[in-house]
Amino acid sequence: MLMSFKPHGLSMMEIDDERQVIGKAWLDFWRGDVQDKAATALVKAQSGELARFEDYCPTFKVTMRYWAVLIAPLFDDYGELMWLLVISHDTTSQKELEKLERKQSKRIEQRLLVVRN
């Protein structure tokens, strides 16, 4: 269950009012196969390990964004798990640049093949 959401995160997820998300299940933000990735990372963090995953997730206004997600377990003084801290970083621009780079590399390779033949 989401306990808090930073203002910048609300903006990035295009959430108009934090009441739309506070108290809701974090896994419900993720859909399909991506929800499975998120669930796996959540279980890992609940067992006390740092967990990461990356994938697409739409904002509340259905803008597709690519997220790098870190889930860190937070412990009390006795080593008991108290909270899970989830940090999501929008890496959409980076992913788009990587896709463009792959596309351009493929074009260059194709042109080189034509020149060689």
N, C-alpha and C. Protein backbone atom coordinates (compact mmCIF):
# COMPACT_ATOMS: atom_id res chain seq x y z
N MET A 1 0.84 -1.17 0.00
CA MET A 1 0.00 0.00 0.00
C MET A 1 0.89 1.24 0.00
N LEU A 2 0.56 2.20 -0.85
CA LEU A 2 1.32 3.44 -0.91
C LEU A 2 1.01 4.32 0.29
N MET A 3 2.07 4.71 0.98
CA MET A 3 1.92 5.55 2.16
C MET A 3 2.17 7.03 1.84
N SER A 4 3.04 7.28 0.88
CA SER A 4 3.31 8.66 0.48
C SER A 4 3.82 8.68 -0.96
N PHE A 5 3.75 9.85 -1.55
CA PHE A 5 4.18 10.03 -2.93
C PHE A 5 4.74 11.44 -3.02
N LYS A 6 5.98 11.57 -3.42
CA LYS A 6 6.61 12.90 -3.49
C LYS A 6 5.93 13.75 -4.57
N PRO A 7 5.88 15.06 -4.40
CA PRO A 7 5.25 15.93 -5.40
C PRO A 7 5.82 15.76 -6.81
N HIS A 8 7.14 15.60 -6.91
CA HIS A 8 7.75 15.41 -8.24
C HIS A 8 7.26 14.10 -8.86
N GLY A 9 7.12 13.07 -8.04
CA GLY A 9 6.62 11.78 -8.54
C GLY A 9 5.18 11.89 -9.02
N LEU A 10 4.37 12.65 -8.29
CA LEU A 10 2.98 12.88 -8.71
C LEU A 10 2.97 13.56 -10.08
N SER A 11 3.84 14.53 -10.25
CA SER A 11 3.94 15.24 -11.52
C SER A 11 4.39 14.31 -12.65
N MET A 12 5.42 13.51 -12.38
CA MET A 12 5.94 12.59 -13.41
C MET A 12 4.91 11.55 -13.82
N MET A 13 4.10 11.11 -12.87
CA MET A 13 3.05 10.13 -13.17
C MET A 13 1.75 10.79 -13.62
N GLU A 14 1.77 12.11 -13.73
CA GLU A 14 0.60 12.88 -14.17
C GLU A 14 -0.63 12.59 -13.29
N ILE A 15 -0.38 12.64 -11.99
CA ILE A 15 -1.43 12.42 -10.99
C ILE A 15 -1.83 13.79 -10.45
N ASP A 16 -3.08 14.14 -10.58
CA ASP A 16 -3.55 15.47 -10.18
C ASP A 16 -3.70 15.62 -8.67
N ASP A 17 -4.03 14.52 -7.99
CA ASP A 17 -4.31 14.60 -6.55
C ASP A 17 -3.77 13.32 -5.90
N GLU A 18 -2.93 13.47 -4.89
CA GLU A 18 -2.33 12.29 -4.24
C GLU A 18 -3.37 11.34 -3.67
N ARG A 19 -4.58 11.83 -3.42
CA ARG A 19 -5.64 10.96 -2.91
C ARG A 19 -6.02 9.87 -3.92
N GLN A 20 -5.62 10.07 -5.18
CA GLN A 20 -5.87 9.05 -6.19
C GLN A 20 -5.01 7.81 -5.97
N VAL A 21 -3.90 7.95 -5.21
CA VAL A 21 -2.96 6.83 -5.07
C VAL A 21 -2.65 6.41 -3.64
N ILE A 22 -2.71 7.34 -2.70
CA ILE A 22 -2.38 7.00 -1.32
C ILE A 22 -3.36 5.93 -0.82
N GLY A 23 -2.79 4.88 -0.22
CA GLY A 23 -3.61 3.78 0.29
C GLY A 23 -3.89 2.70 -0.74
N LYS A 24 -3.47 2.93 -1.97
CA LYS A 24 -3.69 1.94 -3.04
C LYS A 24 -2.50 0.98 -3.12
N ALA A 25 -2.73 -0.17 -3.73
CA ALA A 25 -1.67 -1.16 -3.91
C ALA A 25 -0.71 -0.71 -5.01
N TRP A 26 0.58 -0.68 -4.70
CA TRP A 26 1.61 -0.26 -5.65
C TRP A 26 1.61 -1.16 -6.89
N LEU A 27 1.40 -2.44 -6.71
CA LEU A 27 1.40 -3.37 -7.85
C LEU A 27 0.32 -3.05 -8.88
N ASP A 28 -0.75 -2.40 -8.45
CA ASP A 28 -1.84 -2.08 -9.37
C ASP A 28 -1.45 -1.05 -10.42
N PHE A 29 -0.32 -0.37 -10.23
CA PHE A 29 0.16 0.59 -11.23
C PHE A 29 0.69 -0.13 -12.46
N TRP A 30 1.12 -1.35 -12.29
CA TRP A 30 1.77 -2.11 -13.35
C TRP A 30 0.77 -3.08 -13.98
N ARG A 31 0.93 -3.34 -15.26
CA ARG A 31 -0.01 -4.19 -16.00
C ARG A 31 0.70 -5.33 -16.71
N GLY A 32 0.00 -6.44 -16.88
CA GLY A 32 0.48 -7.57 -17.68
C GLY A 32 1.79 -8.14 -17.19
N ASP A 33 2.69 -8.45 -18.14
CA ASP A 33 3.99 -9.03 -17.82
C ASP A 33 4.81 -8.12 -16.92
N VAL A 34 4.62 -6.83 -17.07
CA VAL A 34 5.37 -5.87 -16.26
C VAL A 34 4.96 -6.00 -14.80
N GLN A 35 3.69 -6.29 -14.55
CA GLN A 35 3.24 -6.48 -13.17
C GLN A 35 3.94 -7.68 -12.55
N ASP A 36 4.20 -8.72 -13.37
CA ASP A 36 4.94 -9.88 -12.88
C ASP A 36 6.36 -9.49 -12.46
N LYS A 37 7.01 -8.66 -13.28
CA LYS A 37 8.36 -8.17 -12.94
C LYS A 37 8.32 -7.38 -11.63
N ALA A 38 7.33 -6.51 -11.52
CA ALA A 38 7.20 -5.68 -10.32
C ALA A 38 6.95 -6.56 -9.09
N ALA A 39 6.10 -7.57 -9.25
CA ALA A 39 5.79 -8.48 -8.14
C ALA A 39 7.03 -9.25 -7.70
N THR A 40 7.82 -9.70 -8.65
CA THR A 40 9.06 -10.43 -8.34
C THR A 40 10.01 -9.52 -7.56
N ALA A 41 10.15 -8.28 -8.01
CA ALA A 41 11.02 -7.32 -7.32
C ALA A 41 10.49 -7.03 -5.92
N LEU A 42 9.18 -6.91 -5.79
CA LEU A 42 8.57 -6.63 -4.48
C LEU A 42 8.84 -7.77 -3.50
N VAL A 43 8.69 -9.01 -3.94
CA VAL A 43 8.95 -10.17 -3.08
C VAL A 43 10.42 -10.19 -2.65
N LYS A 44 11.30 -9.89 -3.60
CA LYS A 44 12.74 -9.86 -3.28
C LYS A 44 13.03 -8.81 -2.21
N ALA A 45 12.44 -7.62 -2.36
CA ALA A 45 12.66 -6.55 -1.37
C ALA A 45 12.04 -6.92 -0.03
N GLN A 46 10.88 -7.57 -0.05
CA GLN A 46 10.24 -7.99 1.20
C GLN A 46 11.07 -9.03 1.95
N SER A 47 11.94 -9.73 1.20
CA SER A 47 12.81 -10.72 1.85
C SER A 47 14.11 -10.07 2.35
N GLY A 48 14.21 -8.74 2.18
CA GLY A 48 15.36 -8.02 2.72
C GLY A 48 16.44 -7.66 1.72
N GLU A 49 16.20 -7.94 0.45
CA GLU A 49 17.21 -7.65 -0.58
C GLU A 49 16.80 -6.43 -1.39
N LEU A 50 17.81 -5.73 -1.89
CA LEU A 50 17.59 -4.63 -2.81
C LEU A 50 17.10 -5.21 -4.13
N ALA A 51 16.07 -4.63 -4.72
CA ALA A 51 15.51 -5.15 -5.96
C ALA A 51 15.42 -4.04 -7.00
N ARG A 52 15.59 -4.43 -8.27
CA ARG A 52 15.52 -3.48 -9.39
C ARG A 52 14.81 -4.13 -10.56
N PHE A 53 14.17 -3.29 -11.35
CA PHE A 53 13.65 -3.73 -12.64
C PHE A 53 13.41 -2.49 -13.49
N GLU A 54 13.27 -2.70 -14.78
CA GLU A 54 13.00 -1.62 -15.73
C GLU A 54 11.92 -2.06 -16.70
N ASP A 55 11.01 -1.15 -17.02
CA ASP A 55 10.00 -1.45 -18.03
C ASP A 55 9.09 -0.25 -18.23
N TYR A 56 8.19 -0.42 -19.19
CA TYR A 56 7.22 0.63 -19.49
C TYR A 56 6.03 0.58 -18.54
N CYS A 57 5.52 1.76 -18.21
CA CYS A 57 4.30 1.88 -17.43
C CYS A 57 3.67 3.21 -17.82
N PRO A 58 2.38 3.21 -18.16
CA PRO A 58 1.74 4.48 -18.51
C PRO A 58 1.48 5.34 -17.27
N THR A 59 1.46 6.63 -17.49
CA THR A 59 1.10 7.56 -16.43
C THR A 59 -0.43 7.52 -16.27
N PHE A 60 -0.95 8.27 -15.34
CA PHE A 60 -2.40 8.31 -15.13
C PHE A 60 -3.13 8.95 -16.31
N LYS A 61 -2.38 9.71 -17.14
CA LYS A 61 -2.99 10.32 -18.34
C LYS A 61 -2.56 9.55 -19.59
N VAL A 62 -2.11 8.32 -19.38
CA VAL A 62 -1.79 7.33 -20.41
C VAL A 62 -0.60 7.73 -21.30
N THR A 63 0.32 8.51 -20.77
CA THR A 63 1.58 8.78 -21.46
C THR A 63 2.51 7.61 -21.16
N MET A 64 3.00 6.92 -22.19
CA MET A 64 3.89 5.79 -21.96
C MET A 64 5.27 6.30 -21.55
N ARG A 65 5.76 5.79 -20.45
CA ARG A 65 7.10 6.14 -19.97
C ARG A 65 7.83 4.87 -19.58
N TYR A 66 9.13 4.92 -19.71
CA TYR A 66 10.00 3.80 -19.33
C TYR A 66 10.61 4.15 -17.99
N TRP A 67 10.50 3.21 -17.04
CA TRP A 67 10.93 3.47 -15.67
C TRP A 67 12.04 2.51 -15.24
N ALA A 68 13.02 3.05 -14.54
CA ALA A 68 14.02 2.25 -13.82
C ALA A 68 13.58 2.32 -12.36
N VAL A 69 13.28 1.16 -11.78
CA VAL A 69 12.69 1.11 -10.44
C VAL A 69 13.64 0.40 -9.48
N LEU A 70 13.82 1.01 -8.32
CA LEU A 70 14.62 0.45 -7.24
C LEU A 70 13.71 0.30 -6.03
N ILE A 71 13.73 -0.89 -5.42
CA ILE A 71 12.95 -1.11 -4.19
C ILE A 71 13.95 -1.48 -3.09
N ALA A 72 14.01 -0.63 -2.08
CA ALA A 72 14.97 -0.83 -0.99
C ALA A 72 14.22 -1.15 0.31
N PRO A 73 14.59 -2.26 0.95
CA PRO A 73 14.00 -2.56 2.25
C PRO A 73 14.62 -1.64 3.32
N LEU A 74 13.79 -1.14 4.22
CA LEU A 74 14.25 -0.30 5.32
C LEU A 74 13.96 -1.04 6.62
N PHE A 75 14.97 -1.12 7.48
CA PHE A 75 14.89 -1.92 8.70
C PHE A 75 14.89 -1.04 9.94
N ASP A 76 14.31 -1.57 11.02
CA ASP A 76 14.37 -0.87 12.31
C ASP A 76 15.69 -1.21 13.01
N ASP A 77 15.86 -0.73 14.23
CA ASP A 77 17.09 -0.95 14.99
C ASP A 77 17.35 -2.42 15.30
N TYR A 78 16.33 -3.25 15.20
CA TYR A 78 16.46 -4.67 15.53
C TYR A 78 16.61 -5.54 14.27
N GLY A 79 16.72 -4.87 13.14
CA GLY A 79 16.90 -5.61 11.89
C GLY A 79 15.61 -6.13 11.28
N GLU A 80 14.48 -5.67 11.81
CA GLU A 80 13.19 -6.09 11.27
C GLU A 80 12.77 -5.15 10.13
N LEU A 81 12.23 -5.73 9.09
CA LEU A 81 11.76 -4.93 7.96
C LEU A 81 10.60 -4.04 8.41
N MET A 82 10.74 -2.74 8.15
CA MET A 82 9.69 -1.79 8.54
C MET A 82 8.94 -1.25 7.32
N TRP A 83 9.68 -0.87 6.28
CA TRP A 83 9.11 -0.23 5.11
C TRP A 83 9.84 -0.69 3.87
N LEU A 84 9.22 -0.43 2.75
CA LEU A 84 9.88 -0.57 1.46
C LEU A 84 9.89 0.81 0.81
N LEU A 85 11.06 1.25 0.41
CA LEU A 85 11.21 2.52 -0.28
C LEU A 85 11.31 2.22 -1.76
N VAL A 86 10.39 2.77 -2.55
CA VAL A 86 10.40 2.56 -4.00
C VAL A 86 10.81 3.87 -4.65
N ILE A 87 11.86 3.80 -5.47
CA ILE A 87 12.34 4.96 -6.20
C ILE A 87 12.24 4.62 -7.68
N SER A 88 11.48 5.44 -8.41
CA SER A 88 11.29 5.23 -9.84
C SER A 88 11.89 6.41 -10.59
N HIS A 89 12.68 6.11 -11.60
CA HIS A 89 13.34 7.14 -12.40
C HIS A 89 12.86 7.01 -13.84
N ASP A 90 12.33 8.09 -14.39
CA ASP A 90 11.86 8.09 -15.77
C ASP A 90 13.07 8.10 -16.71
N THR A 91 13.27 7.00 -17.43
CA THR A 91 14.40 6.88 -18.35
C THR A 91 13.91 6.81 -19.80
N THR A 92 12.73 7.35 -20.05
CA THR A 92 12.14 7.30 -21.39
C THR A 92 13.06 7.93 -22.43
N SER A 93 13.60 9.10 -22.16
CA SER A 93 14.47 9.79 -23.13
C SER A 93 15.69 8.94 -23.46
N GLN A 94 16.28 8.34 -22.44
CA GLN A 94 17.45 7.48 -22.65
C GLN A 94 17.08 6.28 -23.52
N LYS A 95 15.95 5.65 -23.25
CA LYS A 95 15.51 4.49 -24.03
C LYS A 95 15.24 4.88 -25.48
N GLU A 96 14.65 6.05 -25.69
CA GLU A 96 14.38 6.51 -27.05
C GLU A 96 15.68 6.77 -27.81
N LEU A 97 16.68 7.34 -27.12
CA LEU A 97 17.98 7.57 -27.74
C LEU A 97 18.67 6.24 -28.08
N GLU A 98 18.57 5.27 -27.18
CA GLU A 98 19.15 3.95 -27.45
C GLU A 98 18.50 3.29 -28.66
N LYS A 99 17.18 3.42 -28.75
CA LYS A 99 16.45 2.85 -29.88
C LYS A 99 16.89 3.52 -31.19
N LEU A 100 17.02 4.85 -31.17
CA LEU A 100 17.47 5.60 -32.34
C LEU A 100 18.88 5.19 -32.73
N GLU A 101 19.74 5.02 -31.74
CA GLU A 101 21.12 4.61 -32.00
C GLU A 101 21.17 3.24 -32.68
N ARG A 102 20.37 2.30 -32.18
CA ARG A 102 20.31 0.96 -32.80
C ARG A 102 19.81 1.04 -34.23
N LYS A 103 18.81 1.87 -34.44
CA LYS A 103 18.24 2.05 -35.78
C LYS A 103 19.28 2.62 -36.74
N GLN A 104 20.01 3.64 -36.29
CA GLN A 104 21.03 4.26 -37.12
C GLN A 104 22.19 3.30 -37.39
N SER A 105 22.58 2.52 -36.40
CA SER A 105 23.64 1.54 -36.58
C SER A 105 23.24 0.51 -37.63
N LYS A 106 22.00 0.10 -37.58
CA LYS A 106 21.50 -0.88 -38.55
C LYS A 106 21.53 -0.30 -39.96
N ARG A 107 21.12 0.96 -40.11
CA ARG A 107 21.16 1.63 -41.42
C ARG A 107 22.59 1.70 -41.96
N ILE A 108 23.51 2.05 -41.08
CA ILE A 108 24.92 2.15 -41.50
C ILE A 108 25.43 0.79 -41.94
N GLU A 109 25.11 -0.25 -41.18
CA GLU A 109 25.52 -1.61 -41.55
C GLU A 109 24.94 -1.99 -42.91
N GLN A 110 23.68 -1.68 -43.15
CA GLN A 110 23.05 -2.00 -44.43
C GLN A 110 23.73 -1.27 -45.58
N ARG A 111 24.06 0.01 -45.37
CA ARG A 111 24.74 0.79 -46.41
C ARG A 111 26.14 0.23 -46.68
N LEU A 112 26.82 -0.18 -45.65
CA LEU A 112 28.16 -0.77 -45.82
C LEU A 112 28.08 -2.06 -46.63
N LEU A 113 27.05 -2.86 -46.39
CA LEU A 113 26.87 -4.08 -47.16
C LEU A 113 26.63 -3.77 -48.64
N VAL A 114 25.87 -2.74 -48.91
CA VAL A 114 25.59 -2.36 -50.30
C VAL A 114 26.88 -1.89 -50.96
N VAL A 115 27.67 -1.08 -50.27
CA VAL A 115 28.93 -0.56 -50.80
C VAL A 115 29.92 -1.69 -51.08
N ARG A 116 29.97 -2.68 -50.18
CA ARG A 116 30.90 -3.79 -50.33
C ARG A 116 30.53 -4.68 -51.51
N ASN A 117 29.24 -4.78 -51.81
CA ASN A 117 28.80 -5.65 -52.89
C ASN A 117 28.83 -4.88 -54.15
